[in-house]
Amino acid sequence: MADDDTPRLPEEVARYIAGIGPEGLQFDFLIGDWTVEGTRFAPSGEAIMTYAGKWTAEYRHDRRVVVDDFSVHLTDGREVSSFITLRSYSPLTKRWEISGLGAFQPALQGEWFGVWADGAMVLHAHGKGPDGREVRNRIRFHGISPESFHWESHMSVDGGVTWVKAAALVAVRKG
């Protein structure tokens, strides 16, 4: 007990009650509704698909968690891909701890984390793909303004020796 007979809280509970610090707001730029124009690339670098999409992000649990929902649409409006992501900043690891799941897509079983560096949000993931091979992924949010941002994804299947651009997009805030 504390001197005033108030029970002492475990450190992780006290930290939670204290709320988020400024690092926990580094995904503020993503909060809102976005229209997306993107491109997927073949390992050769050739564009294999352009698409339109939408991206919606919101805070949950007093801004401790960012939940975002991304979907890709054909020109006729049919949804062809979707991905939901949960993001929360950990003051212990000093990085964003992230998880996500795409509908009808195998999930990458592994670690996914991010840090703010040089005006960009940089994410790293690695784990086993559905075929059991190690897959690494780098994602970079950059060119961030209140009305838009750029996003790029690079993949490696050789332990990070070589990287190929897998996808890129520009998101514009909905009016």
Foldseek 3Di string as FASTA:
>chain_A
DPPVPDDDDPPVVVVVVVPDDPQLCPCVLQAAKKKKWKFFADQVRHTDDIWIKMKHWDADDRSQKIKMKIWTADPVGHTDKIKIKIWGADPVVRWIWMDMDIPPADGFPWGKIWHDDDQKIKIWTWHAHPVRFIKIKIKIWHPGDSFKIKIWMWMDRPPPPDIGTGMIMMIGHDD
